[in-house]
Amino acid sequence: MNIIVNGKQKEIAPATILISLVRELELDPEAIVAEHNGRIVRRDEYDSLALAENDILELIRFVGGG
C-alpha cells in the first residue's frame, strides 16, 4: 500500500505500524515527532498506530547543536 512520508510517496506492507516504519527509516523514535493525517501522535501510540492506504505522515527530527 502507498502512503506519503514527508511529502514523498512510499510503499509499505499492509498493517505496518508506525514504530516499524520509524525503525525501517533508521530514525530514533525518541528524537522525532510524528504527525499522522494532521494530528500529532503521542509516543505511546507509536506501537499501536496502524498505517492505512493514502495516509499522510510527517516525521520531524530534532537536531542538537548550537
Foldseek 3Di string as FASTA:
>chain_A
DWEAEQNRIDDDDAFDAQVVVCVVVVHDLVFKWKAKQNRTDDSVCRVPHTDDPHIYMYIGGDDDDD
